[in-house]
Protein backbone atom coordinates (compact mmCIF):
# COMPACT_ATOMS: atom_id res chain seq x y z
CA UNK A 1 8.44 10.31 -10.10
CA UNK A 2 6.09 9.77 -12.81
CA UNK A 3 2.28 9.20 -12.03
CA UNK A 4 -0.06 7.30 -14.00
CA UNK A 5 -3.97 7.56 -13.99
CA UNK A 6 -6.42 4.72 -13.53
CA UNK A 7 -7.22 4.36 -17.36
CA UNK A 8 -3.51 4.13 -18.22
CA UNK A 9 -3.02 1.39 -15.67
CA UNK A 10 -5.95 -0.71 -16.88
CA UNK A 11 -4.81 -0.24 -20.49
CA UNK A 12 -1.27 -1.67 -19.46
CA UNK A 13 -2.86 -4.55 -17.55
CA UNK A 14 -5.31 -5.44 -20.48
CA UNK A 15 -2.25 -5.57 -22.87
CA UNK A 16 -1.00 -8.13 -20.86
CA UNK A 17 -4.05 -10.07 -20.33
CA UNK A 18 -4.63 -10.17 -24.15
CA UNK A 19 -1.83 -12.59 -24.12
CA UNK A 20 -0.18 -11.14 -27.21
CA UNK A 21 2.95 -10.02 -25.40
CA UNK A 22 4.51 -10.75 -22.14
CA UNK A 23 4.63 -8.18 -19.07
CA UNK A 24 8.17 -7.47 -19.75
CA UNK A 25 7.79 -6.45 -23.53
CA UNK A 26 4.73 -4.29 -22.40
CA UNK A 27 6.70 -2.68 -19.92
CA UNK A 28 9.52 -2.11 -22.14
CA UNK A 29 7.20 -0.66 -24.91
CA UNK A 30 5.35 1.66 -22.22
CA UNK A 31 8.76 2.76 -20.58
CA UNK A 32 7.60 1.03 -17.27
CA UNK A 33 9.68 -0.94 -14.91
CA UNK A 34 8.35 -4.61 -15.45
CA UNK A 35 8.07 -4.70 -11.54
CA UNK A 36 5.69 -1.77 -11.65
CA UNK A 37 3.44 -3.44 -14.27
CA UNK A 38 3.44 -6.74 -12.19
CA UNK A 39 2.23 -4.84 -9.26
CA UNK A 40 -0.64 -3.34 -11.25
CA UNK A 41 -1.39 -6.91 -12.50
CA UNK A 42 -1.43 -8.09 -9.16
CA UNK A 43 -3.68 -5.26 -7.74
CA UNK A 44 -5.96 -5.61 -11.02
CA UNK A 45 -6.54 -9.36 -10.11
CA UNK A 46 -7.27 -8.71 -6.55
CA UNK A 47 -9.70 -5.80 -6.85
CA UNK A 48 -10.67 -5.66 -10.71
CA UNK A 49 -11.85 -2.34 -11.93
CA UNK A 50 -11.74 -0.98 -8.35
CA UNK A 51 -7.89 -1.64 -8.35
CA UNK A 52 -6.70 1.93 -8.85
CA UNK A 53 -8.92 4.23 -6.62
CA UNK A 54 -6.44 7.38 -7.06
CA UNK A 55 -4.30 9.42 -5.01
CA UNK A 56 -4.96 9.52 -1.29
CA UNK A 57 -7.98 6.90 -1.52
CA UNK A 58 -7.51 3.77 -0.03
CA UNK A 59 -9.43 0.35 -0.34
CA UNK A 60 -11.46 -0.13 2.94
CA UNK A 61 -9.35 -3.04 4.03
CA UNK A 62 -6.20 -1.03 3.66
CA UNK A 63 -7.82 2.12 5.41
CA UNK A 64 -8.82 -0.32 8.33
CA UNK A 65 -5.18 -1.85 8.31
CA UNK A 66 -3.72 1.62 8.46
CA UNK A 67 -6.01 2.74 11.29
CA UNK A 68 -5.27 -0.35 13.33
CA UNK A 69 -1.46 0.12 12.91
CA UNK A 70 -1.87 3.59 14.12
CA UNK A 71 -3.83 2.56 16.98
CA UNK A 72 -1.29 0.03 17.83
CA UNK A 73 1.38 2.63 17.84
CA UNK A 74 -0.27 5.02 19.90
CA UNK A 75 -0.97 2.25 22.44
CA UNK A 76 2.78 1.12 22.56
CA UNK A 77 3.75 4.83 23.22
CA UNK A 78 1.17 5.15 25.84
CA UNK A 79 2.53 1.99 27.36
CA UNK A 80 6.16 3.07 27.38
CA UNK A 81 5.18 6.44 29.12
CA UNK A 82 3.19 4.55 31.94
CA UNK A 83 6.37 2.21 32.22
CA UNK A 84 8.43 5.17 32.91
CA UNK A 85 6.14 6.68 35.18
CA UNK A 86 5.78 3.75 37.30
CA UNK A 87 9.48 3.40 37.57
CA UNK A 88 9.82 6.99 38.54
CA UNK A 89 7.46 6.79 41.28
CA UNK A 90 8.81 3.60 42.50
CA UNK A 91 12.03 5.16 42.68
CA UNK A 92 11.07 8.03 44.66
CA UNK A 93 8.49 6.26 46.99
CA UNK A 94 11.23 4.85 48.94
């Protein structure tokens, strides 16, 4: 899998935004998947120059979303354990 630095992504997006060529044409010239380039354009439109923070770095909103999803998964796991324990003790209380 190829990786691209921030400057390369911004250069590709700017070539499309200049309006001289379509995203598909720019993607073909740069040997990219059009889907990849459209994703970069969408991220750039949403976050501007901060769109590509680099490997392992997330935007604050994305980081918060990841943290909350992990917390939900942990709580679901704890809930499942408590349900099993309650069923076990209810059965053995007879």
